[in-house]
Amino acid sequence: TGRPARVHLKIDTGLGRNGIMPADLPGAVARA
């Protein structure tokens, strides 16, 4: 689309539902 995306990283801090697990966060951050 040529439109940059505004993104919010959702972190699973303990709810055990939707979100990036802390152990997986470094990889996700590097990609972001």
PDB file of all heavy atoms in Angstrom:
ATOM      1  N   THR A   1       0.806  -1.225   0.000  1.00  0.00           N
ATOM      2  CA  THR A   1       0.000   0.000   0.000  1.00  0.00           C
ATOM      3  C   THR A   1       0.833   1.266   0.000  1.00  0.00           C
ATOM      4  O   THR A   1       0.313   2.352  -0.275  1.00  0.00           O
ATOM      5  CB  THR A   1      -0.923   0.030   1.238  1.00  0.00           C
ATOM      6  OG1 THR A   1      -0.111   0.026   2.430  1.00  0.00           O
ATOM      7  CG2 THR A   1      -1.865  -1.165   1.241  1.00  0.00           C
ATOM      8  N   GLY A   2       2.106   1.122   0.351  1.00  0.00           N
ATOM      9  CA  GLY A   2       2.940   2.301   0.471  1.00  0.00           C
ATOM     10  C   GLY A   2       2.653   3.119   1.710  1.00  0.00           C
ATOM     11  O   GLY A   2       3.063   4.287   1.810  1.00  0.00           O
ATOM     12  N   ARG A   3       1.948   2.504   2.689  1.00  0.00           N
ATOM     13  CA  ARG A   3       1.609   3.195   3.934  1.00  0.00           C
ATOM     14  C   ARG A   3       2.287   2.466   5.098  1.00  0.00           C
ATOM     15  O   ARG A   3       1.909   1.323   5.407  1.00  0.00           O
ATOM     16  CB  ARG A   3       0.097   3.228   4.155  1.00  0.00           C
ATOM     17  CG  ARG A   3      -0.678   3.984   3.086  1.00  0.00           C
ATOM     18  CD  ARG A   3      -2.169   3.922   3.360  1.00  0.00           C
ATOM     19  NE  ARG A   3      -2.506   4.625   4.590  1.00  0.00           N
ATOM     20  CZ  ARG A   3      -2.963   5.882   4.632  1.00  0.00           C
ATOM     21  NH1 ARG A   3      -3.107   6.576   3.508  1.00  0.00           N
ATOM     22  NH2 ARG A   3      -3.274   6.449   5.780  1.00  0.00           N
ATOM     23  N   PRO A   4       3.249   3.069   5.760  1.00  0.00           N
ATOM     24  CA  PRO A   4       3.886   2.422   6.907  1.00  0.00           C
ATOM     25  C   PRO A   4       2.851   2.092   7.989  1.00  0.00           C
ATOM     26  O   PRO A   4       1.893   2.832   8.213  1.00  0.00           O
ATOM     27  CB  PRO A   4       4.887   3.474   7.390  1.00  0.00           C
ATOM     28  CG  PRO A   4       5.142   4.335   6.199  1.00  0.00           C
ATOM     29  CD  PRO A   4       3.841   4.383   5.444  1.00  0.00           C
ATOM     30  N   ALA A   5       3.072   0.978   8.648  1.00  0.00           N
ATOM     31  CA  ALA A   5       2.140   0.505   9.674  1.00  0.00           C
ATOM     32  C   ALA A   5       2.574   0.982  11.054  1.00  0.00           C
ATOM     33  O   ALA A   5       3.751   0.889  11.406  1.00  0.00           O
ATOM     34  CB  ALA A   5       2.076  -1.019   9.660  1.00  0.00           C
ATOM     35  N   ARG A   6       1.607   1.499  11.827  1.00  0.00           N
ATOM     36  CA  ARG A   6       1.854   1.783  13.242  1.00  0.00           C
ATOM     37  C   ARG A   6       1.508   0.521  14.034  1.00  0.00           C
ATOM     38  O   ARG A   6       0.369   0.053  14.008  1.00  0.00           O
ATOM     39  CB  ARG A   6       1.010   2.966  13.724  1.00  0.00           C
ATOM     40  CG  ARG A   6       1.451   4.304  13.149  1.00  0.00           C
ATOM     41  CD  ARG A   6       0.838   5.454  13.943  1.00  0.00           C
ATOM     42  NE  ARG A   6      -0.615   5.357  13.997  1.00  0.00           N
ATOM     43  CZ  ARG A   6      -1.428   5.903  13.095  1.00  0.00           C
ATOM     44  NH1 ARG A   6      -0.938   6.564  12.056  1.00  0.00           N
ATOM     45  NH2 ARG A   6      -2.726   5.782  13.222  1.00  0.00           N
ATOM     46  N   VAL A   7       2.497   0.012  14.752  1.00  0.00           N
ATOM     47  CA  VAL A   7       2.383  -1.293  15.405  1.00  0.00           C
ATOM     48  C   VAL A   7       2.552  -1.153  16.912  1.00  0.00           C
ATOM     49  O   VAL A   7       3.407  -0.404  17.390  1.00  0.00           O
ATOM     50  CB  VAL A   7       3.450  -2.259  14.834  1.00  0.00           C
ATOM     51  CG1 VAL A   7       3.613  -3.488  15.705  1.00  0.00           C
ATOM     52  CG2 VAL A   7       3.080  -2.652  13.411  1.00  0.00           C
ATOM     53  N   HIS A   8       1.730  -1.903  17.648  1.00  0.00           N
ATOM     54  CA  HIS A   8       1.875  -2.047  19.095  1.00  0.00           C
ATOM     55  C   HIS A   8       2.244  -3.500  19.362  1.00  0.00           C
ATOM     56  O   HIS A   8       1.523  -4.415  18.957  1.00  0.00           O
ATOM     57  CB  HIS A   8       0.565  -1.728  19.825  1.00  0.00           C
ATOM     58  CG  HIS A   8       0.074  -0.326  19.641  1.00  0.00           C
ATOM     59  ND1 HIS A   8      -0.182   0.512  20.708  1.00  0.00           N
ATOM     60  CD2 HIS A   8      -0.216   0.388  18.517  1.00  0.00           C
ATOM     61  CE1 HIS A   8      -0.609   1.678  20.250  1.00  0.00           C
ATOM     62  NE2 HIS A   8      -0.640   1.623  18.921  1.00  0.00           N
ATOM     63  N   LEU A   9       3.354  -3.726  20.039  1.00  0.00           N
ATOM     64  CA  LEU A   9       3.769  -5.088  20.383  1.00  0.00           C
ATOM     65  C   LEU A   9       3.032  -5.534  21.637  1.00  0.00           C
ATOM     66  O   LEU A   9       3.166  -4.927  22.695  1.00  0.00           O
ATOM     67  CB  LEU A   9       5.274  -5.146  20.601  1.00  0.00           C
ATOM     68  CG  LEU A   9       6.150  -4.774  19.404  1.00  0.00           C
ATOM     69  CD1 LEU A   9       7.621  -4.847  19.800  1.00  0.00           C
ATOM     70  CD2 LEU A   9       5.861  -5.677  18.210  1.00  0.00           C
ATOM     71  N   LYS A  10       2.249  -6.597  21.507  1.00  0.00           N
ATOM     72  CA  LYS A  10       1.490  -7.136  22.642  1.00  0.00           C
ATOM     73  C   LYS A  10       2.354  -8.180  23.353  1.00  0.00           C
ATOM     74  O   LYS A  10       2.797  -9.159  22.748  1.00  0.00           O
ATOM     75  CB  LYS A  10       0.188  -7.773  22.145  1.00  0.00           C
ATOM     76  CG  LYS A  10      -0.621  -8.516  23.213  1.00  0.00           C
ATOM     77  CD  LYS A  10      -1.291  -7.565  24.179  1.00  0.00           C
ATOM     78  CE  LYS A  10      -2.134  -8.304  25.216  1.00  0.00           C
ATOM     79  NZ  LYS A  10      -3.310  -8.974  24.623  1.00  0.00           N
ATOM     80  N   ILE A  11       2.568  -7.976  24.652  1.00  0.00           N
ATOM     81  CA  ILE A  11       3.424  -8.863  25.445  1.00  0.00           C
ATOM     82  C   ILE A  11       2.557  -9.706  26.376  1.00  0.00           C
ATOM     83  O   ILE A  11       1.694  -9.169  27.080  1.00  0.00           O
ATOM     84  CB  ILE A  11       4.438  -8.051  26.286  1.00  0.00           C
ATOM     85  CG1 ILE A  11       5.112  -6.953  25.434  1.00  0.00           C
ATOM     86  CG2 ILE A  11       5.465  -8.978  26.901  1.00  0.00           C
ATOM     87  CD1 ILE A  11       5.859  -7.441  24.240  1.00  0.00           C
ATOM     88  N   ASP A  12       2.780 -11.010  26.368  1.00  0.00           N
ATOM     89  CA  ASP A  12       2.114 -11.881  27.339  1.00  0.00           C
ATOM     90  C   ASP A  12       2.930 -11.829  28.627  1.00  0.00           C
ATOM     91  O   ASP A  12       3.932 -12.517  28.775  1.00  0.00           O
ATOM     92  CB  ASP A  12       2.019 -13.310  26.816  1.00  0.00           C
ATOM     93  CG  ASP A  12       1.217 -14.219  27.749  1.00  0.00           C
ATOM     94  OD1 ASP A  12       0.963 -13.822  28.909  1.00  0.00           O
ATOM     95  OD2 ASP A  12       0.843 -15.324  27.312  1.00  0.00           O
ATOM     96  N   THR A  13       2.490 -10.990  29.558  1.00  0.00           N
ATOM     97  CA  THR A  13       3.216 -10.818  30.821  1.00  0.00           C
ATOM     98  C   THR A  13       2.714 -11.742  31.915  1.00  0.00           C
ATOM     99  O   THR A  13       3.172 -11.650  33.057  1.00  0.00           O
ATOM    100  CB  THR A  13       3.106  -9.359  31.302  1.00  0.00           C
ATOM    101  OG1 THR A  13       1.723  -9.034  31.486  1.00  0.00           O
ATOM    102  CG2 THR A  13       3.742  -8.401  30.305  1.00  0.00           C
ATOM    103  N   GLY A  14       1.789 -12.625  31.576  1.00  0.00           N
ATOM    104  CA  GLY A  14       1.314 -13.556  32.592  1.00  0.00           C
ATOM    105  C   GLY A  14      -0.127 -13.980  32.444  1.00  0.00           C
ATOM    106  O   GLY A  14      -0.586 -14.871  33.165  1.00  0.00           O
ATOM    107  N   LEU A  15      -0.873 -13.387  31.506  1.00  0.00           N
ATOM    108  CA  LEU A  15      -2.272 -13.780  31.326  1.00  0.00           C
ATOM    109  C   LEU A  15      -2.384 -15.131  30.627  1.00  0.00           C
ATOM    110  O   LEU A  15      -3.360 -15.856  30.813  1.00  0.00           O
ATOM    111  CB  LEU A  15      -3.013 -12.697  30.536  1.00  0.00           C
ATOM    112  CG  LEU A  15      -4.497 -12.928  30.268  1.00  0.00           C
ATOM    113  CD1 LEU A  15      -5.279 -13.084  31.575  1.00  0.00           C
ATOM    114  CD2 LEU A  15      -5.086 -11.788  29.441  1.00  0.00           C
ATOM    115  N   GLY A  16      -1.382 -15.479  29.817  1.00  0.00           N
ATOM    116  CA  GLY A  16      -1.439 -16.754  29.118  1.00  0.00           C
ATOM    117  C   GLY A  16      -2.457 -16.763  28.002  1.00  0.00           C
ATOM    118  O   GLY A  16      -3.061 -17.801  27.709  1.00  0.00           O
ATOM    119  N   ARG A  17      -2.621 -15.613  27.358  1.00  0.00           N
ATOM    120  CA  ARG A  17      -3.601 -15.504  26.285  1.00  0.00           C
ATOM    121  C   ARG A  17      -2.862 -14.979  25.060  1.00  0.00           C
ATOM    122  O   ARG A  17      -1.791 -15.472  24.726  1.00  0.00           O
ATOM    123  CB  ARG A  17      -4.740 -14.576  26.742  1.00  0.00           C
ATOM    124  CG  ARG A  17      -6.085 -14.830  26.086  1.00  0.00           C
ATOM    125  CD  ARG A  17      -7.209 -14.022  26.707  1.00  0.00           C
ATOM    126  NE  ARG A  17      -6.997 -12.576  26.591  1.00  0.00           N
ATOM    127  CZ  ARG A  17      -7.890 -11.672  26.992  1.00  0.00           C
ATOM    128  NH1 ARG A  17      -9.015 -12.063  27.579  1.00  0.00           N
ATOM    129  NH2 ARG A  17      -7.661 -10.383  26.845  1.00  0.00           N
ATOM    130  N   ASN A  18      -3.381 -14.007  24.376  1.00  0.00           N
ATOM    131  CA  ASN A  18      -2.713 -13.489  23.187  1.00  0.00           C
ATOM    132  C   ASN A  18      -1.493 -12.659  23.589  1.00  0.00           C
ATOM    133  O   ASN A  18      -1.538 -11.923  24.574  1.00  0.00           O
ATOM    134  CB  ASN A  18      -3.700 -12.631  22.387  1.00  0.00           C
ATOM    135  CG  ASN A  18      -3.375 -12.606  20.915  1.00  0.00           C
ATOM    136  OD1 ASN A  18      -2.871 -13.583  20.375  1.00  0.00           O
ATOM    137  ND2 ASN A  18      -3.667 -11.496  20.260  1.00  0.00           N
ATOM    138  N   GLY A  19      -0.414 -12.756  22.824  1.00  0.00           N
ATOM    139  CA  GLY A  19       0.754 -11.942  23.122  1.00  0.00           C
ATOM    140  C   GLY A  19       2.061 -12.687  22.895  1.00  0.00           C
ATOM    141  O   GLY A  19       2.103 -13.922  22.859  1.00  0.00           O
ATOM    142  N   ILE A  20       3.118 -11.914  22.792  1.00  0.00           N
ATOM    143  CA  ILE A  20       4.461 -12.462  22.600  1.00  0.00           C
ATOM    144  C   ILE A  20       5.026 -12.878  23.957  1.00  0.00           C
ATOM    145  O   ILE A  20       5.040 -12.080  24.904  1.00  0.00           O
ATOM    146  CB  ILE A  20       5.383 -11.407  21.959  1.00  0.00           C
ATOM    147  CG1 ILE A  20       4.808 -10.937  20.622  1.00  0.00           C
ATOM    148  CG2 ILE A  20       6.791 -11.953  21.780  1.00  0.00           C
ATOM    149  CD1 ILE A  20       5.481  -9.687  20.071  1.00  0.00           C
ATOM    150  N   MET A  21       5.488 -14.105  24.066  1.00  0.00           N
ATOM    151  CA  MET A  21       6.104 -14.557  25.308  1.00  0.00           C
ATOM    152  C   MET A  21       7.443 -13.840  25.508  1.00  0.00           C
ATOM    153  O   MET A  21       8.163 -13.568  24.547  1.00  0.00           O
ATOM    154  CB  MET A  21       6.321 -16.065  25.275  1.00  0.00           C
ATOM    155  CG  MET A  21       5.020 -16.872  25.289  1.00  0.00           C
ATOM    156  SD  MET A  21       4.042 -16.604  26.793  1.00  0.00           S
ATOM    157  CE  MET A  21       5.092 -17.403  28.012  1.00  0.00           C
ATOM    158  N   PRO A  22       7.797 -13.517  26.753  1.00  0.00           N
ATOM    159  CA  PRO A  22       9.059 -12.806  26.997  1.00  0.00           C
ATOM    160  C   PRO A  22      10.268 -13.499  26.385  1.00  0.00           C
ATOM    161  O   PRO A  22      11.184 -12.825  25.890  1.00  0.00           O
ATOM    162  CB  PRO A  22       9.135 -12.773  28.524  1.00  0.00           C
ATOM    163  CG  PRO A  22       7.700 -12.756  28.963  1.00  0.00           C
ATOM    164  CD  PRO A  22       6.987 -13.657  27.985  1.00  0.00           C
ATOM    165  N   ALA A  23      10.277 -14.833  26.396  1.00  0.00           N
ATOM    166  CA  ALA A  23      11.419 -15.554  25.825  1.00  0.00           C
ATOM    167  C   ALA A  23      11.539 -15.330  24.319  1.00  0.00           C
ATOM    168  O   ALA A  23      12.637 -15.439  23.751  1.00  0.00           O
ATOM    169  CB  ALA A  23      11.291 -17.048  26.124  1.00  0.00           C
ATOM    170  N   ASP A  24      10.407 -15.038  23.667  1.00  0.00           N
ATOM    171  CA  ASP A  24      10.408 -14.837  22.218  1.00  0.00           C
ATOM    172  C   ASP A  24      10.569 -13.370  21.839  1.00  0.00           C
ATOM    173  O   ASP A  24      10.663 -13.047  20.642  1.00  0.00           O
ATOM    174  CB  ASP A  24       9.100 -15.363  21.615  1.00  0.00           C
ATOM    175  CG  ASP A  24       8.909 -16.853  21.842  1.00  0.00           C
ATOM    176  OD1 ASP A  24       9.923 -17.570  21.853  1.00  0.00           O
ATOM    177  OD2 ASP A  24       7.748 -17.286  22.029  1.00  0.00           O
ATOM    178  N   LEU A  25      10.586 -12.499  22.819  1.00  0.00           N
ATOM    179  CA  LEU A  25      10.584 -11.070  22.520  1.00  0.00           C
ATOM    180  C   LEU A  25      11.857 -10.596  21.814  1.00  0.00           C
ATOM    181  O   LEU A  25      11.762  -9.801  20.865  1.00  0.00           O
ATOM    182  CB  LEU A  25      10.347 -10.262  23.795  1.00  0.00           C
ATOM    183  CG  LEU A  25      10.209  -8.754  23.610  1.00  0.00           C
ATOM    184  CD1 LEU A  25       9.031  -8.421  22.684  1.00  0.00           C
ATOM    185  CD2 LEU A  25      10.037  -8.054  24.958  1.00  0.00           C
ATOM    186  N   PRO A  26      13.053 -11.013  22.212  1.00  0.00           N
ATOM    187  CA  PRO A  26      14.242 -10.502  21.515  1.00  0.00           C
ATOM    188  C   PRO A  26      14.200 -10.731  20.013  1.00  0.00           C
ATOM    189  O   PRO A  26      14.553  -9.832  19.226  1.00  0.00           O
ATOM    190  CB  PRO A  26      15.390 -11.262  22.188  1.00  0.00           C
ATOM    191  CG  PRO A  26      14.882 -11.541  23.572  1.00  0.00           C
ATOM    192  CD  PRO A  26      13.426 -11.848  23.381  1.00  0.00           C
ATOM    193  N   GLY A  27      13.764 -11.911  19.598  1.00  0.00           N
ATOM    194  CA  GLY A  27      13.671 -12.184  18.168  1.00  0.00           C
ATOM    195  C   GLY A  27      12.641 -11.303  17.488  1.00  0.00           C
ATOM    196  O   GLY A  27      12.858 -10.794  16.375  1.00  0.00           O
ATOM    197  N   ALA A  28      11.477 -11.116  18.157  1.00  0.00           N
ATOM    198  CA  ALA A  28      10.429 -10.272  17.580  1.00  0.00           C
ATOM    199  C   ALA A  28      10.889  -8.826  17.482  1.00  0.00           C
ATOM    200  O   ALA A  28      10.609  -8.135  16.484  1.00  0.00           O
ATOM    201  CB  ALA A  28       9.163 -10.370  18.427  1.00  0.00           C
ATOM    202  N   VAL A  29      11.611  -8.362  18.492  1.00  0.00           N
ATOM    203  CA  VAL A  29      12.095  -6.981  18.486  1.00  0.00           C
ATOM    204  C   VAL A  29      13.137  -6.782  17.384  1.00  0.00           C
ATOM    205  O   VAL A  29      13.145  -5.759  16.687  1.00  0.00           O
ATOM    206  CB  VAL A  29      12.664  -6.598  19.863  1.00  0.00           C
ATOM    207  CG1 VAL A  29      13.398  -5.263  19.795  1.00  0.00           C
ATOM    208  CG2 VAL A  29      11.535  -6.532  20.892  1.00  0.00           C
ATOM    209  N   ALA A  30      14.018  -7.757  17.210  1.00  0.00           N
ATOM    210  CA  ALA A  30      15.019  -7.648  16.148  1.00  0.00           C
ATOM    211  C   ALA A  30      14.348  -7.563  14.781  1.00  0.00           C
ATOM    212  O   ALA A  30      14.756  -6.760  13.915  1.00  0.00           O
ATOM    213  CB  ALA A  30      15.968  -8.847  16.209  1.00  0.00           C
ATOM    214  N   ARG A  31      13.317  -8.375  14.584  1.00  0.00           N
ATOM    215  CA  ARG A  31      12.588  -8.340  13.319  1.00  0.00           C
ATOM    216  C   ARG A  31      11.875  -6.997  13.153  1.00  0.00           C
ATOM    217  O   ARG A  31      11.901  -6.391  12.071  1.00  0.00           O
ATOM    218  CB  ARG A  31      11.582  -9.494  13.267  1.00  0.00           C
ATOM    219  CG  ARG A  31      10.736  -9.543  12.008  1.00  0.00           C
ATOM    220  CD  ARG A  31      11.575  -9.771  10.785  1.00  0.00           C
ATOM    221  NE  ARG A  31      10.757  -9.916   9.586  1.00  0.00           N
ATOM    222  CZ  ARG A  31      11.159  -9.553   8.380  1.00  0.00           C
ATOM    223  NH1 ARG A  31      12.367  -9.038   8.209  1.00  0.00           N
ATOM    224  NH2 ARG A  31      10.378  -9.721   7.336  1.00  0.00           N
ATOM    225  N   ALA A  32      11.242  -6.511  14.227  1.00  0.00           N
ATOM    226  CA  ALA A  32      10.532  -5.233  14.165  1.00  0.00           C
ATOM    227  C   ALA A  32      11.504  -4.090  13.872  1.00  0.00           C
ATOM    228  O   ALA A  32      11.191  -3.176  13.099  1.00  0.00           O
ATOM    229  CB  ALA A  32       9.794  -4.984  15.479  1.00  0.00           C
TER     230      ALA A  32
END
